[in-house]
């Protein structure tokens, strides 16, 4: 059972490890294709949030010049470190991957900015739902890991009576 669990975690974590490796190799001076994809998505998210909350956020262009590379590096670190820790069954790895998915999924897979008849809608919705399923699997892992720890603590050793 332990080996099957380990193989399952390796297969699941390979999604995150391989994408982090690709982002790292393509990073370059300007942040690579990930930063170029992230810039318009963050602009759309800023417009959406400012219209919903009636608040003006800081200028996106200024933010991009100084911070997009750090956001991409943070994403690489969270995915890479989280996946490696997850493979070895550490709960903090699952936590890092959950945080990455919760922050990045609504920004990168913004199907809500498209009409249901537009061509990009179905692809973005499918990717969004896949990330939601991954987040659910990580939450399940985290819950099972915590429940096993609690069950072990409840069993007190039997005292010997003479």
Protein backbone atom coordinates (compact mmCIF):
# COMPACT_ATOMS: atom_id res chain seq x y z
CA UNK A 1 0.00 0.00 0.00
CA UNK A 2 2.84 2.42 0.82
CA UNK A 3 4.54 1.89 -2.54
CA UNK A 4 1.29 2.43 -4.46
CA UNK A 5 0.70 5.65 -2.53
CA UNK A 6 4.23 6.84 -3.33
CA UNK A 7 3.82 6.07 -7.06
CA UNK A 8 0.50 7.92 -7.06
CA UNK A 9 2.08 10.97 -5.45
CA UNK A 10 4.94 10.88 -7.98
CA UNK A 11 2.52 10.75 -10.91
CA UNK A 12 0.38 13.55 -9.47
CA UNK A 13 3.37 15.75 -8.60
CA UNK A 14 4.93 15.27 -12.04
CA UNK A 15 2.34 17.73 -13.41
CA UNK A 16 3.76 20.46 -11.19
CA UNK A 17 7.43 19.45 -11.42
CA UNK A 18 7.46 19.34 -15.23
CA UNK A 19 5.66 22.67 -15.62
CA UNK A 20 7.97 24.31 -13.05
CA UNK A 21 11.00 22.90 -14.89
CA UNK A 22 9.72 24.24 -18.22
CA UNK A 23 9.05 27.68 -16.71
CA UNK A 24 12.53 27.70 -15.17
CA UNK A 25 14.24 26.78 -18.46
CA UNK A 26 12.28 29.45 -20.38
CA UNK A 27 12.66 32.16 -17.72
CA UNK A 28 15.34 34.33 -19.33
CA UNK A 29 15.92 38.02 -18.58
CA UNK A 30 12.32 39.17 -18.99
CA UNK A 31 10.58 36.28 -17.21
CA UNK A 32 9.99 34.24 -20.34
CA UNK A 33 6.68 33.28 -21.92
CA UNK A 34 5.07 32.86 -18.50
CA UNK A 35 5.54 36.56 -17.73
CA UNK A 36 4.24 37.53 -21.18
CA UNK A 37 1.14 35.40 -20.63
CA UNK A 38 0.66 36.66 -17.08
CA UNK A 39 0.76 40.38 -17.93
CA UNK A 40 -2.55 40.65 -19.83
CA UNK A 41 -4.25 38.21 -17.45
CA UNK A 42 -3.28 40.35 -14.45
CA UNK A 43 -4.52 43.44 -16.27
CA UNK A 44 -7.91 41.77 -16.85
CA UNK A 45 -8.05 40.64 -13.21
CA UNK A 46 -7.26 44.19 -12.07
CA UNK A 47 -10.03 45.64 -14.24
CA UNK A 48 -12.49 43.01 -13.01
CA UNK A 49 -11.67 43.58 -9.33
CA UNK A 50 -11.67 47.37 -9.65
CA UNK A 51 -15.12 47.30 -11.29
CA UNK A 52 -16.53 44.93 -8.65
CA UNK A 53 -15.13 46.74 -5.60
CA UNK A 54 -15.11 50.28 -7.07
CA UNK A 55 -11.46 50.74 -6.08
CA UNK A 56 -8.59 52.01 -8.20
CA UNK A 57 -5.55 49.75 -8.00
CA UNK A 58 -1.98 50.81 -8.74
CA UNK A 59 -0.87 51.22 -12.31
CA UNK A 60 -0.36 47.81 -13.85
CA UNK A 61 2.48 48.85 -16.16
CA UNK A 62 4.57 50.06 -13.23
CA UNK A 63 3.79 46.86 -11.37
CA UNK A 64 4.76 44.67 -14.32
CA UNK A 65 8.09 46.31 -14.83
CA UNK A 66 9.16 45.58 -11.28
CA UNK A 67 7.20 42.58 -10.07
CA UNK A 68 6.16 40.12 -12.81
CA UNK A 69 9.54 38.38 -12.78
CA UNK A 70 9.22 37.90 -9.01
CA UNK A 71 5.69 36.52 -9.43
CA UNK A 72 6.91 34.00 -12.00
CA UNK A 73 9.87 33.02 -9.78
CA UNK A 74 7.48 32.58 -6.86
CA UNK A 75 5.24 30.36 -8.96
CA UNK A 76 8.23 28.24 -10.02
CA UNK A 77 9.38 27.91 -6.41
CA UNK A 78 5.94 27.04 -5.07
CA UNK A 79 5.32 24.42 -7.75
CA UNK A 80 8.79 22.88 -7.60
CA UNK A 81 9.25 22.81 -3.83
CA UNK A 82 5.63 21.90 -3.20
CA UNK A 83 5.74 18.98 -5.62
CA UNK A 84 8.99 17.59 -4.21
CA UNK A 85 7.68 17.80 -0.64
CA UNK A 86 4.36 16.30 -1.73
CA UNK A 87 6.11 13.29 -3.27
CA UNK A 88 7.64 12.48 0.10
CA UNK A 89 4.28 12.83 1.84
CA UNK A 90 4.86 16.15 3.57
CA UNK A 91 1.73 18.18 4.26
CA UNK A 92 3.51 21.50 3.67
CA UNK A 93 4.10 20.46 0.04
CA UNK A 94 0.36 19.96 -0.41
CA UNK A 95 -0.22 23.35 1.24
CA UNK A 96 2.16 25.10 -1.18
CA UNK A 97 0.49 23.47 -4.17
CA UNK A 98 -2.98 24.38 -2.88
CA UNK A 99 -1.93 28.01 -2.38
CA UNK A 100 -0.43 28.09 -5.87
CA UNK A 101 -3.64 26.72 -7.39
CA UNK A 102 -5.91 29.03 -5.40
CA UNK A 103 -3.99 32.14 -6.46
CA UNK A 104 -3.09 31.27 -10.05
CA UNK A 105 -6.16 29.40 -11.31
CA UNK A 106 -8.65 32.31 -11.40
CA UNK A 107 -6.04 34.57 -13.03
CA UNK A 108 -4.60 32.21 -15.64
CA UNK A 109 -7.84 30.43 -16.58
CA UNK A 110 -10.18 33.41 -16.80
CA UNK A 111 -13.11 31.82 -18.63
CA UNK A 112 -15.42 34.32 -16.91
CA UNK A 113 -14.10 37.09 -19.20
CA UNK A 114 -15.42 35.29 -22.29
CA UNK A 115 -18.89 34.57 -23.58
CA UNK A 116 -19.91 30.92 -23.77
CA UNK A 117 -19.99 31.12 -27.59
CA UNK A 118 -16.42 32.46 -27.92
CA UNK A 119 -13.71 29.97 -28.99
CA UNK A 120 -11.42 30.37 -25.94
CA UNK A 121 -14.20 29.81 -23.41
CA UNK A 122 -14.34 26.00 -23.52
CA UNK A 123 -10.56 25.57 -23.33
CA UNK A 124 -10.22 27.96 -20.38
CA UNK A 125 -13.20 26.43 -18.58
CA UNK A 126 -11.73 22.94 -19.01
CA UNK A 127 -8.34 24.06 -17.69
CA UNK A 128 -10.03 25.86 -14.78
CA UNK A 129 -12.01 22.74 -13.84
CA UNK A 130 -8.87 20.60 -14.08
CA UNK A 131 -7.11 22.93 -11.60
CA UNK A 132 -10.15 22.77 -9.30
CA UNK A 133 -9.96 18.95 -9.42
CA UNK A 134 -6.24 19.06 -8.61
CA UNK A 135 -6.94 21.37 -5.68
CA UNK A 136 -9.64 18.97 -4.47
CA UNK A 137 -7.22 16.05 -4.64
CA UNK A 138 -4.65 17.99 -2.63
CA UNK A 139 -7.22 18.95 -0.01
CA UNK A 140 -8.24 15.28 0.21
CA UNK A 141 -4.59 14.26 0.69
CA UNK A 142 -4.13 16.91 3.36
CA UNK A 143 -7.30 15.82 5.18
CA UNK A 144 -6.32 12.14 5.08
CA UNK A 145 -2.81 12.92 6.29
CA UNK A 146 -4.18 14.90 9.24
CA UNK A 147 -6.76 12.26 10.14
CA UNK A 148 -4.14 9.50 10.17
CA UNK A 149 -1.96 11.58 12.49
CA UNK A 150 -4.88 12.18 14.85
CA UNK A 151 -5.80 8.47 14.92
CA UNK A 152 -2.27 7.53 15.89
CA UNK A 153 -2.26 10.05 18.73
CA UNK A 154 -5.52 8.73 20.20
CA UNK A 155 -4.20 5.22 20.77
CA UNK A 156 -2.53 5.28 24.15
CA UNK A 157 -0.17 2.44 25.02
CA UNK A 158 -1.62 -0.07 27.43
CA UNK A 159 -0.16 0.15 30.85
CA UNK A 160 1.24 -3.01 32.34
CA UNK A 161 -0.25 -4.05 35.65
CA UNK A 162 1.60 -6.45 37.86
